[in-house]
Amino acid sequence: MAAVDLGVASPPLAPAEKPQATAGEASPATLDDTAETVPDTATTLAEAFARRAEVLLVAQQSQQQVMQSQLDRVKADFNASQEERSEQLREMNALRDMALAQAKQDDEVLKKYIAMI
């Protein structure tokens, strides 16, 4: 059977009702508004690169601190050995001066002894 147009307009179809959200659910419109459609890979890569750079920087600073502490220890050891050497040289100079003074006195005593003969 063929449909016959009688010229009577049919009432417009009612738009489909949107489901109402219950108290614990978000409405579909809200989800669509807040959902990100395409992930921002440039930002994600930039953040990953920044984190990697920060980790590398912290590792480098840590390594520099270790090397600096080793260098400080070597400097302290060198300074201690130089102070000890300086003290030994001072003692040797004092002993040499005392030996020279004793030799002069011995010479004076010998001269006086020879003069008595």
PDB file of N, CA and C in Angstrom:
ATOM      1  N   MET A   1       0.812  -1.147   0.000  1.00  0.00           N
ATOM      2  CA  MET A   1       0.000   0.000   0.000  1.00  0.00           C
ATOM      3  C   MET A   1       0.868   1.226   0.000  1.00  0.00           C
ATOM      4  N   ALA A   2       0.493   2.215  -0.793  1.00  0.00           N
ATOM      5  CA  ALA A   2       1.268   3.433  -0.909  1.00  0.00           C
ATOM      6  C   ALA A   2       0.741   4.456   0.061  1.00  0.00           C
ATOM      7  N   ALA A   3       1.660   5.248   0.578  1.00  0.00           N
ATOM      8  CA  ALA A   3       1.260   6.284   1.531  1.00  0.00           C
ATOM      9  C   ALA A   3       0.686   7.450   0.766  1.00  0.00           C
ATOM     10  N   VAL A   4      -0.369   7.991   1.268  1.00  0.00           N
ATOM     11  CA  VAL A   4      -1.051   9.081   0.596  1.00  0.00           C
ATOM     12  C   VAL A   4      -0.876  10.314   1.450  1.00  0.00           C
ATOM     13  N   ASP A   5      -0.494  11.423   0.800  1.00  0.00           N
ATOM     14  CA  ASP A   5      -0.327  12.676   1.522  1.00  0.00           C
ATOM     15  C   ASP A   5      -1.645  13.408   1.502  1.00  0.00           C
ATOM     16  N   LEU A   6      -2.255  13.585   2.639  1.00  0.00           N
ATOM     17  CA  LEU A   6      -3.547  14.238   2.716  1.00  0.00           C
ATOM     18  C   LEU A   6      -3.410  15.731   2.959  1.00  0.00           C
ATOM     19  N   GLY A   7      -2.189  16.272   3.057  1.00  0.00           N
ATOM     20  CA  GLY A   7      -1.997  17.690   3.285  1.00  0.00           C
ATOM     21  C   GLY A   7      -2.107  18.065   4.736  1.00  0.00           C
ATOM     22  N   VAL A   8      -2.300  17.109   5.572  1.00  0.00           N
ATOM     23  CA  VAL A   8      -2.394  17.397   6.998  1.00  0.00           C
ATOM     24  C   VAL A   8      -0.999  17.264   7.573  1.00  0.00           C
ATOM     25  N   ALA A   9      -0.597  18.279   8.214  1.00  0.00           N
ATOM     26  CA  ALA A   9       0.741  18.263   8.801  1.00  0.00           C
ATOM     27  C   ALA A   9       0.720  17.441  10.069  1.00  0.00           C
ATOM     28  N   SER A  10       1.676  16.635  10.143  1.00  0.00           N
ATOM     29  CA  SER A  10       1.782  15.852  11.380  1.00  0.00           C
ATOM     30  C   SER A  10       2.565  16.659  12.409  1.00  0.00           C
ATOM     31  N   PRO A  11       2.266  16.421  13.650  1.00  0.00           N
ATOM     32  CA  PRO A  11       2.980  17.205  14.669  1.00  0.00           C
ATOM     33  C   PRO A  11       4.483  16.884  14.613  1.00  0.00           C
ATOM     34  N   PRO A  12       5.289  17.899  14.853  1.00  0.00           N
ATOM     35  CA  PRO A  12       6.736  17.650  14.795  1.00  0.00           C
ATOM     36  C   PRO A  12       7.120  16.622  15.858  1.00  0.00           C
ATOM     37  N   LEU A  13       8.141  15.877  15.504  1.00  0.00           N
ATOM     38  CA  LEU A  13       8.617  14.882  16.465  1.00  0.00           C
ATOM     39  C   LEU A  13       9.302  15.589  17.619  1.00  0.00           C
ATOM     40  N   ALA A  14       9.009  15.108  18.781  1.00  0.00           N
ATOM     41  CA  ALA A  14       9.630  15.716  19.962  1.00  0.00           C
ATOM     42  C   ALA A  14      11.101  15.326  19.992  1.00  0.00           C
ATOM     43  N   PRO A  15      11.942  16.263  20.331  1.00  0.00           N
ATOM     44  CA  PRO A  15      13.363  15.905  20.412  1.00  0.00           C
ATOM     45  C   PRO A  15      13.540  14.829  21.477  1.00  0.00           C
ATOM     46  N   ALA A  16      14.533  13.992  21.258  1.00  0.00           N
ATOM     47  CA  ALA A  16      14.776  12.917  22.223  1.00  0.00           C
ATOM     48  C   ALA A  16      15.208  13.540  23.536  1.00  0.00           C
ATOM     49  N   GLU A  17      14.633  13.044  24.566  1.00  0.00           N
ATOM     50  CA  GLU A  17      14.964  13.585  25.878  1.00  0.00           C
ATOM     51  C   GLU A  17      16.340  13.101  26.288  1.00  0.00           C
ATOM     52  N   LYS A  18      17.072  14.017  26.877  1.00  0.00           N
ATOM     53  CA  LYS A  18      18.404  13.666  27.361  1.00  0.00           C
ATOM     54  C   LYS A  18      18.237  13.017  28.714  1.00  0.00           C
ATOM     55  N   PRO A  19      18.984  11.987  28.987  1.00  0.00           N
ATOM     56  CA  PRO A  19      18.854  11.357  30.299  1.00  0.00           C
ATOM     57  C   PRO A  19      19.305  12.324  31.384  1.00  0.00           C
ATOM     58  N   GLN A  20      18.573  12.362  32.449  1.00  0.00           N
ATOM     59  CA  GLN A  20      18.910  13.234  33.572  1.00  0.00           C
ATOM     60  C   GLN A  20      19.950  12.539  34.452  1.00  0.00           C
ATOM     61  N   ALA A  21      20.882  13.319  34.930  1.00  0.00           N
ATOM     62  CA  ALA A  21      21.926  12.756  35.786  1.00  0.00           C
ATOM     63  C   ALA A  21      21.379  12.596  37.189  1.00  0.00           C
ATOM     64  N   THR A  22      21.766  11.524  37.821  1.00  0.00           N
ATOM     65  CA  THR A  22      21.361  11.327  39.206  1.00  0.00           C
ATOM     66  C   THR A  22      22.359  12.041  40.101  1.00  0.00           C
ATOM     67  N   ALA A  23      22.144  11.958  41.393  1.00  0.00           N
ATOM     68  CA  ALA A  23      22.952  12.724  42.339  1.00  0.00           C
ATOM     69  C   ALA A  23      24.436  12.374  42.275  1.00  0.00           C
ATOM     70  N   GLY A  24      24.812  11.110  42.077  1.00  0.00           N
ATOM     71  CA  GLY A  24      26.214  10.724  42.112  1.00  0.00           C
ATOM     72  C   GLY A  24      26.884  10.725  40.757  1.00  0.00           C
ATOM     73  N   GLU A  25      26.173  10.982  39.660  1.00  0.00           N
ATOM     74  CA  GLU A  25      26.738  10.897  38.324  1.00  0.00           C
ATOM     75  C   GLU A  25      26.858  12.271  37.702  1.00  0.00           C
ATOM     76  N   ALA A  26      27.796  12.389  36.772  1.00  0.00           N
ATOM     77  CA  ALA A  26      27.915  13.628  36.013  1.00  0.00           C
ATOM     78  C   ALA A  26      27.111  13.454  34.736  1.00  0.00           C
ATOM     79  N   SER A  27      26.555  14.501  34.274  1.00  0.00           N
ATOM     80  CA  SER A  27      25.777  14.407  33.045  1.00  0.00           C
ATOM     81  C   SER A  27      26.720  14.221  31.863  1.00  0.00           C
ATOM     82  N   PRO A  28      26.243  13.622  30.769  1.00  0.00           N
ATOM     83  CA  PRO A  28      27.107  13.417  29.595  1.00  0.00           C
ATOM     84  C   PRO A  28      27.649  14.732  29.054  1.00  0.00           C
ATOM     85  N   ALA A  29      26.863  15.795  29.129  1.00  0.00           N
ATOM     86  CA  ALA A  29      27.334  17.079  28.626  1.00  0.00           C
ATOM     87  C   ALA A  29      28.529  17.558  29.445  1.00  0.00           C
ATOM     88  N   THR A  30      28.475  17.349  30.749  1.00  0.00           N
ATOM     89  CA  THR A  30      29.575  17.768  31.610  1.00  0.00           C
ATOM     90  C   THR A  30      30.834  16.978  31.282  1.00  0.00           C
ATOM     91  N   LEU A  31      30.686  15.690  31.040  1.00  0.00           N
ATOM     92  CA  LEU A  31      31.848  14.880  30.701  1.00  0.00           C
ATOM     93  C   LEU A  31      32.476  15.339  29.395  1.00  0.00           C
ATOM     94  N   ASP A  32      31.651  15.667  28.410  1.00  0.00           N
ATOM     95  CA  ASP A  32      32.178  16.107  27.127  1.00  0.00           C
ATOM     96  C   ASP A  32      32.890  17.445  27.251  1.00  0.00           C
ATOM     97  N   ASP A  33      32.395  18.329  28.117  1.00  0.00           N
ATOM     98  CA  ASP A  33      33.009  19.640  28.277  1.00  0.00           C
ATOM     99  C   ASP A  33      34.384  19.536  28.932  1.00  0.00           C
ATOM    100  N   THR A  34      34.547  18.611  29.853  1.00  0.00           N
ATOM    101  CA  THR A  34      35.799  18.533  30.597  1.00  0.00           C
ATOM    102  C   THR A  34      36.785  17.552  29.994  1.00  0.00           C
ATOM    103  N   ALA A  35      36.327  16.639  29.160  1.00  0.00           N
ATOM    104  CA  ALA A  35      37.220  15.630  28.597  1.00  0.00           C
ATOM    105  C   ALA A  35      38.114  16.268  27.551  1.00  0.00           C
ATOM    106  N   GLU A  36      39.377  15.855  27.560  1.00  0.00           N
ATOM    107  CA  GLU A  36      40.319  16.349  26.554  1.00  0.00           C
ATOM    108  C   GLU A  36      40.217  15.416  25.366  1.00  0.00           C
ATOM    109  N   THR A  37      40.019  15.973  24.208  1.00  0.00           N
ATOM    110  CA  THR A  37      39.798  15.129  23.038  1.00  0.00           C
ATOM    111  C   THR A  37      41.103  14.580  22.488  1.00  0.00           C
ATOM    112  N   VAL A  38      42.137  15.391  22.429  1.00  0.00           N
ATOM    113  CA  VAL A  38      43.413  14.959  21.871  1.00  0.00           C
ATOM    114  C   VAL A  38      44.491  15.236  22.912  1.00  0.00           C
ATOM    115  N   PRO A  39      45.266  14.229  23.292  1.00  0.00           N
ATOM    116  CA  PRO A  39      46.321  14.496  24.269  1.00  0.00           C
ATOM    117  C   PRO A  39      47.364  15.440  23.677  1.00  0.00           C
ATOM    118  N   ASP A  40      47.879  16.311  24.517  1.00  0.00           N
ATOM    119  CA  ASP A  40      48.874  17.290  24.081  1.00  0.00           C
ATOM    120  C   ASP A  40      50.253  16.651  24.216  1.00  0.00           C
ATOM    121  N   THR A  41      50.708  16.016  23.163  1.00  0.00           N
ATOM    122  CA  THR A  41      51.978  15.289  23.232  1.00  0.00           C
ATOM    123  C   THR A  41      53.164  16.231  23.346  1.00  0.00           C
ATOM    124  N   ALA A  42      53.067  17.414  22.795  1.00  0.00           N
ATOM    125  CA  ALA A  42      54.183  18.362  22.892  1.00  0.00           C
ATOM    126  C   ALA A  42      54.419  18.753  24.347  1.00  0.00           C
ATOM    127  N   THR A  43      53.327  19.031  25.069  1.00  0.00           N
ATOM    128  CA  THR A  43      53.459  19.392  26.477  1.00  0.00           C
ATOM    129  C   THR A  43      53.978  18.213  27.287  1.00  0.00           C
ATOM    130  N   THR A  44      53.462  17.027  26.991  1.00  0.00           N
ATOM    131  CA  THR A  44      53.903  15.836  27.701  1.00  0.00           C
ATOM    132  C   THR A  44      55.380  15.595  27.465  1.00  0.00           C
ATOM    133  N   LEU A  45      55.833  15.715  26.232  1.00  0.00           N
ATOM    134  CA  LEU A  45      57.249  15.530  25.932  1.00  0.00           C
ATOM    135  C   LEU A  45      58.103  16.604  26.576  1.00  0.00           C
ATOM    136  N   ALA A  46      57.607  17.835  26.582  1.00  0.00           N
ATOM    137  CA  ALA A  46      58.361  18.926  27.202  1.00  0.00           C
ATOM    138  C   ALA A  46      58.504  18.698  28.704  1.00  0.00           C
ATOM    139  N   GLU A  47      57.426  18.232  29.334  1.00  0.00           N
ATOM    140  CA  GLU A  47      57.493  17.958  30.776  1.00  0.00           C
ATOM    141  C   GLU A  47      58.446  16.808  31.055  1.00  0.00           C
ATOM    142  N   ALA A  48      58.406  15.771  30.238  1.00  0.00           N
ATOM    143  CA  ALA A  48      59.318  14.639  30.414  1.00  0.00           C
ATOM    144  C   ALA A  48      60.764  15.086  30.209  1.00  0.00           C
ATOM    145  N   PHE A  49      60.993  15.904  29.209  1.00  0.00           N
ATOM    146  CA  PHE A  49      62.342  16.425  28.960  1.00  0.00           C
ATOM    147  C   PHE A  49      62.814  17.279  30.131  1.00  0.00           C
ATOM    148  N   ALA A  50      61.933  18.119  30.657  1.00  0.00           N
ATOM    149  CA  ALA A  50      62.291  18.976  31.790  1.00  0.00           C
ATOM    150  C   ALA A  50      62.621  18.138  33.021  1.00  0.00           C
ATOM    151  N   ARG A  51      61.819  17.091  33.271  1.00  0.00           N
ATOM    152  CA  ARG A  51      62.104  16.209  34.413  1.00  0.00           C
ATOM    153  C   ARG A  51      63.442  15.508  34.234  1.00  0.00           C
ATOM    154  N   ARG A  52      63.697  15.031  33.022  1.00  0.00           N
ATOM    155  CA  ARG A  52      64.966  14.342  32.742  1.00  0.00           C
ATOM    156  C   ARG A  52      66.145  15.297  32.923  1.00  0.00           C
ATOM    157  N   ALA A  53      66.001  16.515  32.429  1.00  0.00           N
ATOM    158  CA  ALA A  53      67.064  17.508  32.570  1.00  0.00           C
ATOM    159  C   ALA A  53      67.304  17.823  34.041  1.00  0.00           C
ATOM    160  N   GLU A  54      66.242  17.919  34.816  1.00  0.00           N
ATOM    161  CA  GLU A  54      66.377  18.209  36.246  1.00  0.00           C
ATOM    162  C   GLU A  54      67.086  17.067  36.966  1.00  0.00           C
ATOM    163  N   VAL A  55      66.738  15.840  36.630  1.00  0.00           N
ATOM    164  CA  VAL A  55      67.384  14.676  37.244  1.00  0.00           C
ATOM    165  C   VAL A  55      68.869  14.655  36.894  1.00  0.00           C
ATOM    166  N   LEU A  56      69.192  14.926  35.644  1.00  0.00           N
ATOM    167  CA  LEU A  56      70.593  14.954  35.229  1.00  0.00           C
ATOM    168  C   LEU A  56      71.357  16.069  35.920  1.00  0.00           C
ATOM    169  N   LEU A  57      70.716  17.213  36.096  1.00  0.00           N
ATOM    170  CA  LEU A  57      71.358  18.332  36.782  1.00  0.00           C
ATOM    171  C   LEU A  57      71.638  17.990  38.244  1.00  0.00           C
ATOM    172  N   VAL A  58      70.681  17.379  38.900  1.00  0.00           N
ATOM    173  CA  VAL A  58      70.865  16.987  40.302  1.00  0.00           C
ATOM    174  C   VAL A  58      71.987  15.948  40.413  1.00  0.00           C
ATOM    175  N   ALA A  59      72.033  14.997  39.484  1.00  0.00           N
ATOM    176  CA  ALA A  59      73.088  13.981  39.490  1.00  0.00           C
ATOM    177  C   ALA A  59      74.453  14.623  39.275  1.00  0.00           C
ATOM    178  N   GLN A  60      74.525  15.584  38.367  1.00  0.00           N
ATOM    179  CA  GLN A  60      75.789  16.268  38.104  1.00  0.00           C
ATOM    180  C   GLN A  60      76.230  17.069  39.330  1.00  0.00           C
ATOM    181  N   GLN A  61      75.296  17.742  39.985  1.00  0.00           N
ATOM    182  CA  GLN A  61      75.635  18.504  41.188  1.00  0.00           C
ATOM    183  C   GLN A  61      76.130  17.579  42.295  1.00  0.00           C
ATOM    184  N   SER A  62      75.510  16.428  42.427  1.00  0.00           N
ATOM    185  CA  SER A  62      75.933  15.454  43.422  1.00  0.00           C
ATOM    186  C   SER A  62      77.348  14.975  43.130  1.00  0.00           C
ATOM    187  N   GLN A  63      77.617  14.692  41.874  1.00  0.00           N
ATOM    188  CA  GLN A  63      78.948  14.240  41.476  1.00  0.00           C
ATOM    189  C   GLN A  63      79.986  15.338  41.732  1.00  0.00           C
ATOM    190  N   GLN A  64      79.639  16.577  41.458  1.00  0.00           N
ATOM    191  CA  GLN A  64      80.556  17.684  41.711  1.00  0.00           C
ATOM    192  C   GLN A  64      80.828  17.845  43.203  1.00  0.00           C
ATOM    193  N   GLN A  65      79.804  17.638  44.033  1.00  0.00           N
ATOM    194  CA  GLN A  65      79.998  17.731  45.479  1.00  0.00           C
ATOM    195  C   GLN A  65      80.954  16.648  45.968  1.00  0.00           C
ATOM    196  N   VAL A  66      80.814  15.435  45.433  1.00  0.00           N
ATOM    197  CA  VAL A  66      81.703  14.344  45.822  1.00  0.00           C
ATOM    198  C   VAL A  66      83.138  14.676  45.411  1.00  0.00           C
ATOM    199  N   MET A  67      83.301  15.153  44.187  1.00  0.00           N
ATOM    200  CA  MET A  67      84.649  15.504  43.713  1.00  0.00           C
ATOM    201  C   MET A  67      85.236  16.658  44.525  1.00  0.00           C
ATOM    202  N   GLN A  68      84.399  17.630  44.888  1.00  0.00           N
ATOM    203  CA  GLN A  68      84.874  18.760  45.675  1.00  0.00           C
ATOM    204  C   GLN A  68      85.296  18.305  47.068  1.00  0.00           C
ATOM    205  N   SER A  69      84.546  17.381  47.674  1.00  0.00           N
ATOM    206  CA  SER A  69      84.929  16.885  48.998  1.00  0.00           C
ATOM    207  C   SER A  69      86.231  16.094  48.926  1.00  0.00           C
ATOM    208  N   GLN A  70      86.429  15.332  47.840  1.00  0.00           N
ATOM    209  CA  GLN A  70      87.699  14.623  47.670  1.00  0.00           C
ATOM    210  C   GLN A  70      88.846  15.611  47.502  1.00  0.00           C
ATOM    211  N   LEU A  71      88.631  16.650  46.727  1.00  0.00           N
ATOM    212  CA  LEU A  71      89.652  17.672  46.530  1.00  0.00           C
ATOM    213  C   LEU A  71      89.967  18.384  47.839  1.00  0.00           C
ATOM    214  N   ASP A  72      88.947  18.698  48.622  1.00  0.00           N
ATOM    215  CA  ASP A  72      89.154  19.336  49.923  1.00  0.00           C
ATOM    216  C   ASP A  72      89.967  18.438  50.855  1.00  0.00           C
ATOM    217  N   ARG A  73      89.682  17.123  50.813  1.00  0.00           N
ATOM    218  CA  ARG A  73      90.431  16.191  51.659  1.00  0.00           C
ATOM    219  C   ARG A  73      91.903  16.141  51.236  1.00  0.00           C
ATOM    220  N   VAL A  74      92.172  16.126  49.924  1.00  0.00           N
ATOM    221  CA  VAL A  74      93.554  16.127  49.432  1.00  0.00           C
ATOM    222  C   VAL A  74      94.262  17.411  49.848  1.00  0.00           C
ATOM    223  N   LYS A  75      93.575  18.545  49.739  1.00  0.00           N
ATOM    224  CA  LYS A  75      94.168  19.823  50.161  1.00  0.00           C
ATOM    225  C   LYS A  75      94.496  19.813  51.647  1.00  0.00           C
ATOM    226  N   ALA A  76      93.573  19.300  52.460  1.00  0.00           N
ATOM    227  CA  ALA A  76      93.799  19.252  53.906  1.00  0.00           C
ATOM    228  C   ALA A  76      94.985  18.351  54.237  1.00  0.00           C
ATOM    229  N   ASP A  77      95.084  17.190  53.564  1.00  0.00           N
ATOM    230  CA  ASP A  77      96.227  16.297  53.790  1.00  0.00           C
ATOM    231  C   ASP A  77      97.535  16.969  53.392  1.00  0.00           C
ATOM    232  N   PHE A  78      97.535  17.655  52.261  1.00  0.00           N
ATOM    233  CA  PHE A  78      98.740  18.356  51.813  1.00  0.00           C
ATOM    234  C   PHE A  78      99.135  19.447  52.813  1.00  0.00           C
ATOM    235  N   ASN A  79      98.160  20.234  53.252  1.00  0.00           N
ATOM    236  CA  ASN A  79      98.461  21.300  54.212  1.00  0.00           C
ATOM    237  C   ASN A  79      99.013  20.735  55.510  1.00  0.00           C
ATOM    238  N   ALA A  80      98.449  19.616  55.982  1.00  0.00           N
ATOM    239  CA  ALA A  80      98.940  19.000  57.224  1.00  0.00           C
ATOM    240  C   ALA A  80     100.373  18.515  57.049  1.00  0.00           C
ATOM    241  N   SER A  81     100.670  17.886  55.910  1.00  0.00           N
ATOM    242  CA  SER A  81     102.037  17.403  55.694  1.00  0.00           C
ATOM    243  C   SER A  81     103.019  18.566  55.571  1.00  0.00           C
ATOM    244  N   GLN A  82     102.602  19.661  54.945  1.00  0.00           N
ATOM    245  CA  GLN A  82     103.476  20.828  54.834  1.00  0.00           C
ATOM    246  C   GLN A  82     103.719  21.480  56.200  1.00  0.00           C
ATOM    247  N   GLU A  83     102.709  21.523  57.041  1.00  0.00           N
ATOM    248  CA  GLU A  83     102.886  22.070  58.391  1.00  0.00           C
ATOM    249  C   GLU A  83     103.850  21.205  59.195  1.00  0.00           C
ATOM    250  N   GLU A  84     103.720  19.882  59.065  1.00  0.00           N
ATOM    251  CA  GLU A  84     104.621  18.973  59.783  1.00  0.00           C
ATOM    252  C   GLU A  84     106.057  19.143  59.281  1.00  0.00           C
ATOM    253  N   ARG A  85     106.215  19.257  57.968  1.00  0.00           N
ATOM    254  CA  ARG A  85     107.554  19.455  57.389  1.00  0.00           C
ATOM    255  C   ARG A  85     108.153  20.780  57.869  1.00  0.00           C
ATOM    256  N   SER A  86     107.349  21.824  57.904  1.00  0.00           N
ATOM    257  CA  SER A  86     107.838  23.130  58.370  1.00  0.00           C
ATOM    258  C   SER A  86     108.298  23.052  59.821  1.00  0.00           C
ATOM    259  N   GLU A  87     107.524  22.353  60.645  1.00  0.00           N
ATOM    260  CA  GLU A  87     107.898  22.206  62.052  1.00  0.00           C
ATOM    261  C   GLU A  87     109.224  21.443  62.184  1.00  0.00           C
ATOM    262  N   GLN A  88     109.389  20.395  61.383  1.00  0.00           N
ATOM    263  CA  GLN A  88     110.649  19.636  61.424  1.00  0.00           C
ATOM    264  C   GLN A  88     111.828  20.496  60.977  1.00  0.00           C
ATOM    265  N   LEU A  89     111.630  21.323  59.948  1.00  0.00           N
ATOM    266  CA  LEU A  89     112.698  22.219  59.499  1.00  0.00           C
ATOM    267  C   LEU A  89     113.063  23.233  60.577  1.00  0.00           C
ATOM    268  N   ARG A  90     112.073  23.763  61.288  1.00  0.00           N
ATOM    269  CA  ARG A  90     112.351  24.704  62.379  1.00  0.00           C
ATOM    270  C   ARG A  90     113.170  24.031  63.483  1.00  0.00           C
ATOM    271  N   GLU A  91     112.782  22.790  63.811  1.00  0.00           N
ATOM    272  CA  GLU A  91     113.524  22.059  64.842  1.00  0.00           C
ATOM    273  C   GLU A  91     114.953  21.797  64.393  1.00  0.00           C
ATOM    274  N   MET A  92     115.141  21.415  63.119  1.00  0.00           N
ATOM    275  CA  MET A  92     116.487  21.172  62.596  1.00  0.00           C
ATOM    276  C   MET A  92     117.319  22.453  62.627  1.00  0.00           C
ATOM    277  N   ASN A  93     116.720  23.578  62.268  1.00  0.00           N
ATOM    278  CA  ASN A  93     117.442  24.861  62.308  1.00  0.00           C
ATOM    279  C   ASN A  93     117.852  25.208  63.738  1.00  0.00           C
ATOM    280  N   ALA A  94     116.934  24.978  64.684  1.00  0.00           N
ATOM    281  CA  ALA A  94     117.258  25.275  66.085  1.00  0.00           C
ATOM    282  C   ALA A  94     118.401  24.377  66.571  1.00  0.00           C
ATOM    283  N   LEU A  95     118.366  23.092  66.229  1.00  0.00           N
ATOM    284  CA  LEU A  95     119.444  22.183  66.634  1.00  0.00           C
ATOM    285  C   LEU A  95     120.775  22.568  65.978  1.00  0.00           C
ATOM    286  N   ARG A  96     120.747  22.956  64.704  1.00  0.00           N
ATOM    287  CA  ARG A  96     121.968  23.384  64.017  1.00  0.00           C
ATOM    288  C   ARG A  96     122.537  24.646  64.661  1.00  0.00           C
ATOM    289  N   ASP A  97     121.660  25.598  64.994  1.00  0.00           N
ATOM    290  CA  ASP A  97     122.124  26.824  65.657  1.00  0.00           C
ATOM    291  C   ASP A  97     122.766  26.494  67.003  1.00  0.00           C
ATOM    292  N   MET A  98     122.152  25.561  67.744  1.00  0.00           N
ATOM    293  CA  MET A  98     122.733  25.168  69.042  1.00  0.00           C
ATOM    294  C   MET A  98     124.086  24.479  68.832  1.00  0.00           C
ATOM    295  N   ALA A  99     124.194  23.639  67.781  1.00  0.00           N
ATOM    296  CA  ALA A  99     125.465  22.959  67.506  1.00  0.00           C
ATOM    297  C   ALA A  99     126.546  23.967  67.116  1.00  0.00           C
ATOM    298  N   LEU A 100     126.187  24.984  66.317  1.00  0.00           N
ATOM    299  CA  LEU A 100     127.160  26.025  65.956  1.00  0.00           C
ATOM    300  C   LEU A 100     127.601  26.821  67.183  1.00  0.00           C
ATOM    301  N   ALA A 101     126.646  27.140  68.045  1.00  0.00           N
ATOM    302  CA  ALA A 101     126.991  27.882  69.270  1.00  0.00           C
ATOM    303  C   ALA A 101     127.908  27.033  70.146  1.00  0.00           C
ATOM    304  N   GLN A 102     127.638  25.745  70.264  1.00  0.00           N
ATOM    305  CA  GLN A 102     128.485  24.857  71.055  1.00  0.00           C
ATOM    306  C   GLN A 102     129.889  24.753  70.438  1.00  0.00           C
ATOM    307  N   ALA A 103     129.952  24.681  69.098  1.00  0.00           N
ATOM    308  CA  ALA A 103     131.252  24.605  68.425  1.00  0.00           C
ATOM    309  C   ALA A 103     132.056  25.879  68.672  1.00  0.00           C
ATOM    310  N   LYS A 104     131.410  27.056  68.669  1.00  0.00           N
ATOM    311  CA  LYS A 104     132.102  28.317  68.951  1.00  0.00           C
ATOM    312  C   LYS A 104     132.646  28.331  70.371  1.00  0.00           C
ATOM    313  N   GLN A 105     131.824  27.863  71.299  1.00  0.00           N
ATOM    314  CA  GLN A 105     132.299  27.816  72.692  1.00  0.00           C
ATOM    315  C   GLN A 105     133.467  26.843  72.849  1.00  0.00           C
ATOM    316  N   ASP A 106     133.367  25.708  72.148  1.00  0.00           N
ATOM    317  CA  ASP A 106     134.468  24.739  72.204  1.00  0.00           C
ATOM    318  C   ASP A 106     135.744  25.349  71.626  1.00  0.00           C
ATOM    319  N   ASP A 107     135.613  26.109  70.535  1.00  0.00           N
ATOM    320  CA  ASP A 107     136.773  26.783  69.953  1.00  0.00           C
ATOM    321  C   ASP A 107     137.371  27.788  70.944  1.00  0.00           C
ATOM    322  N   GLU A 108     136.531  28.566  71.623  1.00  0.00           N
ATOM    323  CA  GLU A 108     137.009  29.540  72.617  1.00  0.00           C
ATOM    324  C   GLU A 108     137.754  28.822  73.758  1.00  0.00           C
ATOM    325  N   VAL A 109     137.162  27.714  74.222  1.00  0.00           N
ATOM    326  CA  VAL A 109     137.797  26.956  75.311  1.00  0.00           C
ATOM    327  C   VAL A 109     139.151  26.412  74.828  1.00  0.00           C
ATOM    328  N   LEU A 110     139.198  25.899  73.592  1.00  0.00           N
ATOM    329  CA  LEU A 110     140.441  25.353  73.054  1.00  0.00           C
ATOM    330  C   LEU A 110     141.485  26.455  72.904  1.00  0.00           C
ATOM    331  N   LYS A 111     141.086  27.638  72.436  1.00  0.00           N
ATOM    332  CA  LYS A 111     142.014  28.769  72.293  1.00  0.00           C
ATOM    333  C   LYS A 111     142.581  29.173  73.650  1.00  0.00           C
ATOM    334  N   LYS A 112     141.741  29.222  74.660  1.00  0.00           N
ATOM    335  CA  LYS A 112     142.199  29.594  76.007  1.00  0.00           C
ATOM    336  C   LYS A 112     143.136  28.515  76.561  1.00  0.00           C
ATOM    337  N   TYR A 113     142.825  27.257  76.260  1.00  0.00           N
ATOM    338  CA  TYR A 113     143.678  26.182  76.742  1.00  0.00           C
ATOM    339  C   TYR A 113     145.057  26.246  76.074  1.00  0.00           C
ATOM    340  N   ILE A 114     145.029  26.536  74.736  1.00  0.00           N
ATOM    341  CA  ILE A 114     146.297  26.652  74.011  1.00  0.00           C
ATOM    342  C   ILE A 114     147.054  27.880  74.511  1.00  0.00           C
ATOM    343  N   ALA A 115     146.365  28.963  74.824  1.00  0.00           N
ATOM    344  CA  ALA A 115     147.017  30.161  75.319  1.00  0.00           C
ATOM    345  C   ALA A 115     147.659  29.932  76.670  1.00  0.00           C
ATOM    346  N   MET A 116     147.135  29.022  77.472  1.00  0.00           N
ATOM    347  CA  MET A 116     147.697  28.724  78.816  1.00  0.00           C
ATOM    348  C   MET A 116     149.001  27.928  78.680  1.00  0.00           C
ATOM    349  N   ILE A 117     149.192  27.233  77.629  1.00  0.00           N
ATOM    350  CA  ILE A 117     150.375  26.407  77.495  1.00  0.00           C
ATOM    351  C   ILE A 117     151.532  27.244  77.074  1.00  0.00           C
TER     352      ILE A 117
END
